[in-house]
N, C-alpha and C. Protein backbone atom coordinates (compact mmCIF):
# COMPACT_ATOMS: atom_id res chain seq x y z
N MET A 1 101.46 267.32 148.75
CA MET A 1 100.37 266.99 149.61
C MET A 1 100.93 266.26 150.83
N ALA A 2 100.48 266.66 152.01
CA ALA A 2 100.95 266.04 153.24
C ALA A 2 99.76 265.71 154.13
N ARG A 3 99.87 264.63 154.84
CA ARG A 3 98.83 264.26 155.79
C ARG A 3 98.96 265.14 157.03
N LEU A 4 97.84 265.74 157.44
CA LEU A 4 97.86 266.65 158.58
C LEU A 4 97.39 265.99 159.87
N ALA A 5 96.43 265.08 159.77
CA ALA A 5 95.83 264.49 160.97
C ALA A 5 95.93 262.98 160.91
N SER A 6 96.05 262.38 162.06
CA SER A 6 96.12 260.93 162.13
C SER A 6 95.33 260.49 163.36
N SER A 7 94.30 259.71 163.12
CA SER A 7 93.50 259.17 164.22
C SER A 7 92.85 257.88 163.73
N THR A 8 92.29 257.13 164.65
CA THR A 8 91.58 255.91 164.25
C THR A 8 90.17 256.24 163.79
N GLY A 9 89.73 257.50 163.95
CA GLY A 9 88.41 257.92 163.53
C GLY A 9 88.38 258.31 162.06
N ILE A 10 87.19 258.64 161.60
CA ILE A 10 86.99 259.08 160.23
C ILE A 10 86.95 260.60 160.24
N ASP A 11 87.82 261.23 159.44
CA ASP A 11 87.88 262.68 159.32
C ASP A 11 87.33 263.06 157.95
N THR A 12 86.27 263.91 157.92
CA THR A 12 85.62 264.26 156.65
C THR A 12 85.25 265.74 156.63
N GLU A 13 84.72 266.19 155.51
CA GLU A 13 84.13 267.50 155.30
C GLU A 13 85.07 268.67 155.65
N PRO A 14 86.30 268.67 155.13
CA PRO A 14 87.24 269.75 155.48
C PRO A 14 86.85 271.08 154.87
N GLN A 15 87.16 272.15 155.56
CA GLN A 15 86.99 273.50 155.02
C GLN A 15 88.04 274.42 155.64
N PHE A 16 88.73 275.17 154.77
CA PHE A 16 89.71 276.14 155.24
C PHE A 16 89.02 277.30 155.92
N SER A 17 89.66 277.85 156.95
CA SER A 17 89.21 279.11 157.53
C SER A 17 89.51 280.20 156.51
N GLY A 18 88.83 281.32 156.64
CA GLY A 18 89.00 282.41 155.68
C GLY A 18 90.42 282.93 155.57
N ASP A 19 91.16 282.88 156.67
CA ASP A 19 92.54 283.35 156.66
C ASP A 19 93.54 282.26 156.26
N GLY A 20 93.03 281.04 156.00
CA GLY A 20 93.90 279.94 155.58
C GLY A 20 94.73 279.33 156.70
N GLN A 21 94.53 279.77 157.93
CA GLN A 21 95.33 279.29 159.06
C GLN A 21 94.90 277.91 159.58
N PHE A 22 93.60 277.59 159.44
CA PHE A 22 93.06 276.35 159.98
C PHE A 22 92.23 275.61 158.96
N ILE A 23 92.09 274.31 159.19
CA ILE A 23 91.15 273.50 158.45
C ILE A 23 90.16 272.96 159.47
N TYR A 24 88.88 273.25 159.26
CA TYR A 24 87.81 272.73 160.10
C TYR A 24 87.29 271.46 159.45
N PHE A 25 86.93 270.47 160.26
CA PHE A 25 86.48 269.19 159.71
C PHE A 25 85.61 268.45 160.71
N THR A 26 84.91 267.44 160.21
CA THR A 26 84.09 266.56 161.04
C THR A 26 84.89 265.30 161.32
N SER A 27 84.83 264.82 162.56
CA SER A 27 85.53 263.59 162.91
C SER A 27 84.76 262.85 163.99
N ASP A 28 84.85 261.52 163.93
CA ASP A 28 84.27 260.70 165.00
C ASP A 28 85.36 260.14 165.91
N ARG A 29 86.51 260.78 165.92
CA ARG A 29 87.65 260.33 166.72
C ARG A 29 87.33 260.24 168.21
N GLY A 30 86.32 260.98 168.69
CA GLY A 30 85.91 260.93 170.09
C GLY A 30 84.75 259.99 170.33
N GLY A 31 84.32 259.27 169.30
CA GLY A 31 83.22 258.32 169.42
C GLY A 31 81.98 258.73 168.65
N LYS A 32 81.64 260.00 168.65
CA LYS A 32 80.49 260.53 167.91
C LYS A 32 80.98 261.68 167.03
N PRO A 33 80.28 261.96 165.92
CA PRO A 33 80.72 263.03 165.03
C PRO A 33 80.71 264.40 165.72
N GLN A 34 81.85 265.08 165.68
CA GLN A 34 82.02 266.42 166.23
C GLN A 34 82.90 267.22 165.27
N ILE A 35 82.94 268.52 165.48
CA ILE A 35 83.73 269.39 164.62
C ILE A 35 85.04 269.75 165.32
N TYR A 36 86.11 269.65 164.55
CA TYR A 36 87.47 269.94 165.03
C TYR A 36 88.11 270.94 164.07
N ARG A 37 89.25 271.47 164.50
CA ARG A 37 90.08 272.25 163.59
C ARG A 37 91.53 271.87 163.84
N ILE A 38 92.33 272.02 162.79
CA ILE A 38 93.75 271.72 162.87
C ILE A 38 94.49 272.83 162.13
N PRO A 39 95.66 273.24 162.61
CA PRO A 39 96.43 274.23 161.85
C PRO A 39 96.71 273.72 160.44
N ALA A 40 96.61 274.59 159.46
CA ALA A 40 96.79 274.19 158.07
C ALA A 40 98.19 273.66 157.80
N ASP A 41 99.16 274.02 158.63
CA ASP A 41 100.52 273.52 158.45
C ASP A 41 100.81 272.31 159.34
N GLY A 42 99.75 271.75 159.96
CA GLY A 42 99.91 270.56 160.79
C GLY A 42 99.92 270.89 162.27
N GLY A 43 99.77 269.88 163.08
CA GLY A 43 99.73 270.06 164.52
C GLY A 43 98.60 269.26 165.13
N GLU A 44 98.24 269.60 166.34
CA GLU A 44 97.20 268.89 167.06
C GLU A 44 95.81 269.40 166.67
N ALA A 45 94.88 268.47 166.49
CA ALA A 45 93.49 268.83 166.23
C ALA A 45 92.84 269.30 167.53
N GLN A 46 92.02 270.31 167.43
CA GLN A 46 91.32 270.88 168.59
C GLN A 46 89.82 270.72 168.36
N ARG A 47 89.13 270.15 169.35
CA ARG A 47 87.69 269.98 169.24
C ARG A 47 87.01 271.34 169.40
N ILE A 48 86.04 271.62 168.52
CA ILE A 48 85.34 272.90 168.52
C ILE A 48 83.94 272.77 169.10
N THR A 49 83.22 271.70 168.78
CA THR A 49 81.85 271.53 169.28
C THR A 49 81.82 270.57 170.46
N PHE A 50 81.05 270.94 171.48
CA PHE A 50 80.91 270.11 172.67
C PHE A 50 79.46 269.87 173.04
N GLU A 51 78.55 270.73 172.60
CA GLU A 51 77.13 270.55 172.90
C GLU A 51 76.54 269.53 171.93
N GLY A 52 75.83 268.55 172.46
CA GLY A 52 75.19 267.56 171.61
C GLY A 52 76.12 266.42 171.24
N SER A 53 75.51 265.36 170.73
CA SER A 53 76.27 264.16 170.39
C SER A 53 76.53 264.01 168.90
N TYR A 54 76.06 264.97 168.09
CA TYR A 54 76.22 264.86 166.64
C TYR A 54 76.30 266.27 166.06
N ASN A 55 77.47 266.66 165.58
CA ASN A 55 77.69 267.96 164.96
C ASN A 55 78.57 267.77 163.73
N VAL A 56 78.07 268.18 162.55
CA VAL A 56 78.76 267.91 161.30
C VAL A 56 78.70 269.11 160.35
N THR A 57 79.44 269.02 159.27
CA THR A 57 79.43 269.95 158.15
C THR A 57 79.76 271.39 158.55
N PRO A 58 80.97 271.63 159.04
CA PRO A 58 81.34 273.00 159.40
C PRO A 58 81.49 273.90 158.17
N ARG A 59 80.90 275.07 158.24
CA ARG A 59 81.03 276.07 157.18
C ARG A 59 81.25 277.43 157.84
N LEU A 60 82.38 278.07 157.53
CA LEU A 60 82.73 279.33 158.17
C LEU A 60 82.13 280.50 157.42
N SER A 61 81.74 281.51 158.19
CA SER A 61 81.23 282.74 157.60
C SER A 61 82.37 283.45 156.86
N PRO A 62 82.04 284.30 155.89
CA PRO A 62 83.09 285.00 155.15
C PRO A 62 84.03 285.81 156.04
N ASN A 63 83.54 286.35 157.16
CA ASN A 63 84.42 287.11 158.05
C ASN A 63 85.10 286.23 159.09
N ALA A 64 84.85 284.91 159.03
CA ALA A 64 85.46 283.90 159.90
C ALA A 64 85.13 284.09 161.38
N LYS A 65 84.06 284.83 161.69
CA LYS A 65 83.68 285.03 163.07
C LYS A 65 82.66 284.01 163.57
N SER A 66 82.00 283.34 162.64
CA SER A 66 81.01 282.34 163.05
C SER A 66 81.10 281.11 162.15
N MET A 67 80.50 280.03 162.63
CA MET A 67 80.52 278.76 161.91
C MET A 67 79.10 278.19 161.89
N ALA A 68 78.61 277.91 160.71
CA ALA A 68 77.34 277.20 160.56
C ALA A 68 77.65 275.71 160.52
N TYR A 69 76.75 274.92 161.06
CA TYR A 69 76.91 273.46 161.03
C TYR A 69 75.57 272.80 161.30
N ILE A 70 75.51 271.51 161.10
CA ILE A 70 74.30 270.73 161.36
C ILE A 70 74.48 270.01 162.69
N THR A 71 73.45 270.12 163.54
CA THR A 71 73.48 269.48 164.85
C THR A 71 72.24 268.63 165.05
N LEU A 72 72.37 267.55 165.79
CA LEU A 72 71.21 266.73 166.16
C LEU A 72 70.66 267.32 167.45
N ASN A 73 69.43 267.84 167.38
CA ASN A 73 68.81 268.55 168.48
C ASN A 73 67.41 267.96 168.73
N ASN A 74 67.25 267.25 169.84
CA ASN A 74 65.95 266.63 170.16
C ASN A 74 65.42 265.78 169.01
N GLY A 75 66.29 264.98 168.42
CA GLY A 75 65.89 264.07 167.34
C GLY A 75 65.77 264.72 165.97
N ARG A 76 66.11 265.99 165.85
CA ARG A 76 66.01 266.69 164.57
C ARG A 76 67.37 267.22 164.16
N TYR A 77 67.68 267.07 162.87
CA TYR A 77 68.92 267.61 162.31
C TYR A 77 68.66 269.05 161.91
N GLN A 78 69.27 269.99 162.64
CA GLN A 78 68.98 271.40 162.43
C GLN A 78 70.24 272.21 162.19
N LEU A 79 70.05 273.35 161.55
CA LEU A 79 71.15 274.26 161.27
C LEU A 79 71.44 275.10 162.51
N ALA A 80 72.69 275.10 162.92
CA ALA A 80 73.13 275.88 164.08
C ALA A 80 74.21 276.87 163.65
N LEU A 81 74.37 277.91 164.46
CA LEU A 81 75.41 278.89 164.21
C LEU A 81 76.17 279.12 165.50
N MET A 82 77.51 279.01 165.43
CA MET A 82 78.35 279.22 166.60
C MET A 82 79.19 280.49 166.40
N ASP A 83 79.20 281.34 167.42
CA ASP A 83 80.12 282.47 167.47
C ASP A 83 81.47 281.88 167.90
N LEU A 84 82.46 281.95 167.04
CA LEU A 84 83.73 281.28 167.32
C LEU A 84 84.51 281.90 168.47
N ALA A 85 84.29 283.18 168.76
CA ALA A 85 85.00 283.83 169.87
C ALA A 85 84.43 283.41 171.22
N THR A 86 83.11 283.33 171.32
CA THR A 86 82.46 283.03 172.60
C THR A 86 82.02 281.58 172.73
N ARG A 87 81.96 280.87 171.59
CA ARG A 87 81.46 279.49 171.50
C ARG A 87 79.96 279.39 171.80
N GLN A 88 79.25 280.52 171.80
CA GLN A 88 77.80 280.51 171.96
C GLN A 88 77.17 279.96 170.69
N THR A 89 76.16 279.09 170.86
CA THR A 89 75.51 278.45 169.73
C THR A 89 74.03 278.79 169.72
N GLN A 90 73.51 279.00 168.51
CA GLN A 90 72.10 279.29 168.31
C GLN A 90 71.56 278.36 167.23
N ILE A 91 70.42 277.70 167.50
CA ILE A 91 69.74 276.91 166.48
C ILE A 91 68.97 277.90 165.61
N LEU A 92 69.17 277.85 164.29
CA LEU A 92 68.57 278.82 163.38
C LEU A 92 67.28 278.33 162.72
N THR A 93 67.05 277.02 162.71
CA THR A 93 65.91 276.48 161.97
C THR A 93 64.97 275.70 162.89
N ASP A 94 63.77 275.45 162.39
CA ASP A 94 62.81 274.65 163.13
C ASP A 94 62.44 273.39 162.35
N SER A 95 63.21 273.08 161.31
CA SER A 95 62.96 271.89 160.50
C SER A 95 63.64 270.67 161.13
N ALA A 96 63.59 269.52 160.44
CA ALA A 96 64.07 268.29 161.05
C ALA A 96 65.14 267.55 160.26
N LYS A 97 65.35 267.92 159.01
CA LYS A 97 66.32 267.19 158.19
C LYS A 97 67.19 268.14 157.39
N ASP A 98 67.82 269.08 158.08
CA ASP A 98 68.68 270.07 157.41
C ASP A 98 70.03 269.45 157.06
N GLU A 99 70.62 269.96 156.00
CA GLU A 99 71.96 269.54 155.60
C GLU A 99 72.60 270.59 154.70
N SER A 100 73.90 270.51 154.55
CA SER A 100 74.68 271.28 153.58
C SER A 100 74.53 272.80 153.67
N PRO A 101 74.86 273.43 154.79
CA PRO A 101 74.77 274.88 154.85
C PRO A 101 75.82 275.57 154.00
N SER A 102 75.47 276.76 153.50
CA SER A 102 76.40 277.55 152.69
C SER A 102 76.11 279.03 152.91
N PHE A 103 77.12 279.79 153.35
CA PHE A 103 76.97 281.22 153.60
C PHE A 103 76.92 282.01 152.30
N ALA A 104 76.11 283.06 152.30
CA ALA A 104 76.15 284.05 151.22
C ALA A 104 77.48 284.78 151.31
N PRO A 105 77.98 285.32 150.21
CA PRO A 105 79.26 286.03 150.25
C PRO A 105 79.30 287.17 151.26
N ASN A 106 78.16 287.81 151.56
CA ASN A 106 78.16 288.89 152.54
C ASN A 106 77.93 288.37 153.97
N GLY A 107 77.70 287.07 154.13
CA GLY A 107 77.53 286.46 155.45
C GLY A 107 76.18 286.65 156.09
N ARG A 108 75.25 287.32 155.42
CA ARG A 108 73.96 287.62 156.02
C ARG A 108 72.94 286.51 155.90
N MET A 109 73.07 285.66 154.92
CA MET A 109 72.12 284.56 154.71
C MET A 109 72.88 283.23 154.61
N ILE A 110 72.19 282.17 154.96
CA ILE A 110 72.73 280.82 154.81
C ILE A 110 71.69 280.01 154.05
N ILE A 111 72.09 279.42 152.93
CA ILE A 111 71.19 278.49 152.25
C ILE A 111 71.55 277.09 152.72
N TYR A 112 70.57 276.20 152.66
CA TYR A 112 70.77 274.82 153.08
C TYR A 112 69.69 273.96 152.44
N ALA A 113 69.91 272.68 152.43
CA ALA A 113 68.91 271.73 151.95
C ALA A 113 68.15 271.22 153.17
N THR A 114 66.86 271.00 152.99
CA THR A 114 66.05 270.39 154.04
C THR A 114 64.99 269.54 153.36
N GLU A 115 64.17 268.88 154.13
CA GLU A 115 63.14 268.01 153.57
C GLU A 115 61.77 268.42 154.07
N ILE A 116 60.86 268.55 153.14
CA ILE A 116 59.46 268.84 153.47
C ILE A 116 58.58 267.89 152.66
N GLY A 117 57.74 267.16 153.36
CA GLY A 117 56.86 266.22 152.66
C GLY A 117 57.60 265.16 151.88
N GLY A 118 58.75 264.73 152.37
CA GLY A 118 59.52 263.69 151.71
C GLY A 118 60.33 264.17 150.52
N ARG A 119 60.34 265.47 150.25
CA ARG A 119 61.06 266.02 149.11
C ARG A 119 62.13 266.99 149.58
N GLY A 120 63.29 266.93 148.97
CA GLY A 120 64.36 267.86 149.29
C GLY A 120 64.07 269.24 148.73
N VAL A 121 64.14 270.26 149.57
CA VAL A 121 63.89 271.63 149.13
C VAL A 121 65.05 272.52 149.55
N LEU A 122 65.17 273.64 148.85
CA LEU A 122 66.16 274.64 149.16
C LEU A 122 65.54 275.61 150.17
N ALA A 123 66.29 275.95 151.19
CA ALA A 123 65.81 276.89 152.20
C ALA A 123 66.91 277.89 152.50
N ALA A 124 66.50 279.00 153.10
CA ALA A 124 67.45 280.04 153.48
C ALA A 124 67.04 280.61 154.83
N VAL A 125 68.02 281.03 155.60
CA VAL A 125 67.78 281.66 156.89
C VAL A 125 68.82 282.76 157.07
N SER A 126 68.40 283.86 157.67
CA SER A 126 69.35 284.93 157.95
C SER A 126 70.28 284.46 159.06
N SER A 127 71.48 285.01 159.11
CA SER A 127 72.46 284.55 160.09
C SER A 127 72.06 284.90 161.53
N ASP A 128 71.05 285.75 161.70
CA ASP A 128 70.53 286.01 163.05
C ASP A 128 69.29 285.16 163.34
N GLY A 129 68.85 284.36 162.37
CA GLY A 129 67.71 283.46 162.56
C GLY A 129 66.35 284.10 162.43
N ARG A 130 66.28 285.38 162.13
CA ARG A 130 64.99 286.09 162.09
C ARG A 130 64.21 285.87 160.81
N VAL A 131 64.89 285.73 159.68
CA VAL A 131 64.22 285.58 158.39
C VAL A 131 64.42 284.16 157.90
N LYS A 132 63.31 283.47 157.63
CA LYS A 132 63.37 282.08 157.15
C LYS A 132 62.55 281.97 155.87
N GLN A 133 63.10 281.28 154.86
CA GLN A 133 62.42 281.11 153.59
C GLN A 133 62.60 279.70 153.08
N LYS A 134 61.57 279.15 152.46
CA LYS A 134 61.68 277.89 151.74
C LYS A 134 61.61 278.25 150.27
N LEU A 135 62.58 277.81 149.50
CA LEU A 135 62.70 278.16 148.09
C LEU A 135 62.52 276.92 147.24
N SER A 136 61.36 276.33 147.31
CA SER A 136 61.07 275.05 146.67
C SER A 136 60.97 275.17 145.15
N VAL A 137 61.41 274.14 144.48
CA VAL A 137 61.25 274.01 143.04
C VAL A 137 60.41 272.75 142.82
N GLN A 138 59.33 272.86 142.07
CA GLN A 138 58.37 271.76 141.95
C GLN A 138 58.97 270.45 141.43
N ALA A 139 59.80 270.53 140.41
CA ALA A 139 60.30 269.30 139.78
C ALA A 139 61.70 268.91 140.24
N ALA A 140 62.13 269.41 141.38
CA ALA A 140 63.51 269.15 141.81
C ALA A 140 63.54 268.53 143.20
N ASP A 141 64.63 267.88 143.48
CA ASP A 141 64.91 267.34 144.80
C ASP A 141 66.28 267.91 145.19
N VAL A 142 66.30 268.92 146.03
CA VAL A 142 67.52 269.70 146.32
C VAL A 142 68.43 268.95 147.28
N ARG A 143 69.72 268.95 146.97
CA ARG A 143 70.77 268.40 147.83
C ARG A 143 72.01 269.25 147.66
N GLU A 144 72.74 269.52 148.73
CA GLU A 144 74.03 270.18 148.73
C GLU A 144 74.08 271.50 147.96
N PRO A 145 73.26 272.49 148.33
CA PRO A 145 73.34 273.78 147.65
C PRO A 145 74.58 274.56 148.05
N ALA A 146 74.99 275.47 147.19
CA ALA A 146 76.15 276.34 147.49
C ALA A 146 75.97 277.65 146.74
N TRP A 147 76.46 278.72 147.33
CA TRP A 147 76.47 280.00 146.64
C TRP A 147 77.50 279.93 145.55
N GLY A 148 77.20 280.52 144.41
CA GLY A 148 78.15 280.53 143.31
C GLY A 148 79.24 281.56 143.54
N PRO A 149 80.33 281.44 142.81
CA PRO A 149 81.41 282.42 142.97
C PRO A 149 80.96 283.77 142.42
N PHE A 150 81.36 284.83 143.11
CA PHE A 150 81.04 286.18 142.68
C PHE A 150 82.34 286.90 142.37
N LEU A 151 82.34 287.62 141.26
CA LEU A 151 83.52 288.38 140.89
C LEU A 151 83.62 289.60 141.79
N LYS A 152 84.81 289.96 142.15
CA LYS A 152 85.01 291.12 143.02
C LYS A 152 85.38 292.33 142.23
């Protein structure tokens, strides 16, 4: 095990890129939480998000072409999707307390936790933002959902 990054900020929520070349992570090294990436074999961290003052929880699509993350947008924590080639960003949800995005293995859907009526619920949105679903369970308070492993 080797230390890859060194800063006075807090570096959290690491995730490998699909090809294993980079580690994406959240850091407040610039003053506010933003998403960075660093080569998996070490080197300089590169800032990925620039829009907004709060961007966290990077999750890469299975094809590594896009990144889902949580952004603070007009006082609401919402799920966003960035095209990594163009850096174009789209807000996918209209809720206010989204967290923990997770791509489906085929990359077409993203599940995430959100809050409705003071209760944590499971929600899903298509990666183009057109299909939105709330998948509430009456006796549960959902936090940090993830797709299970699928055998190939």
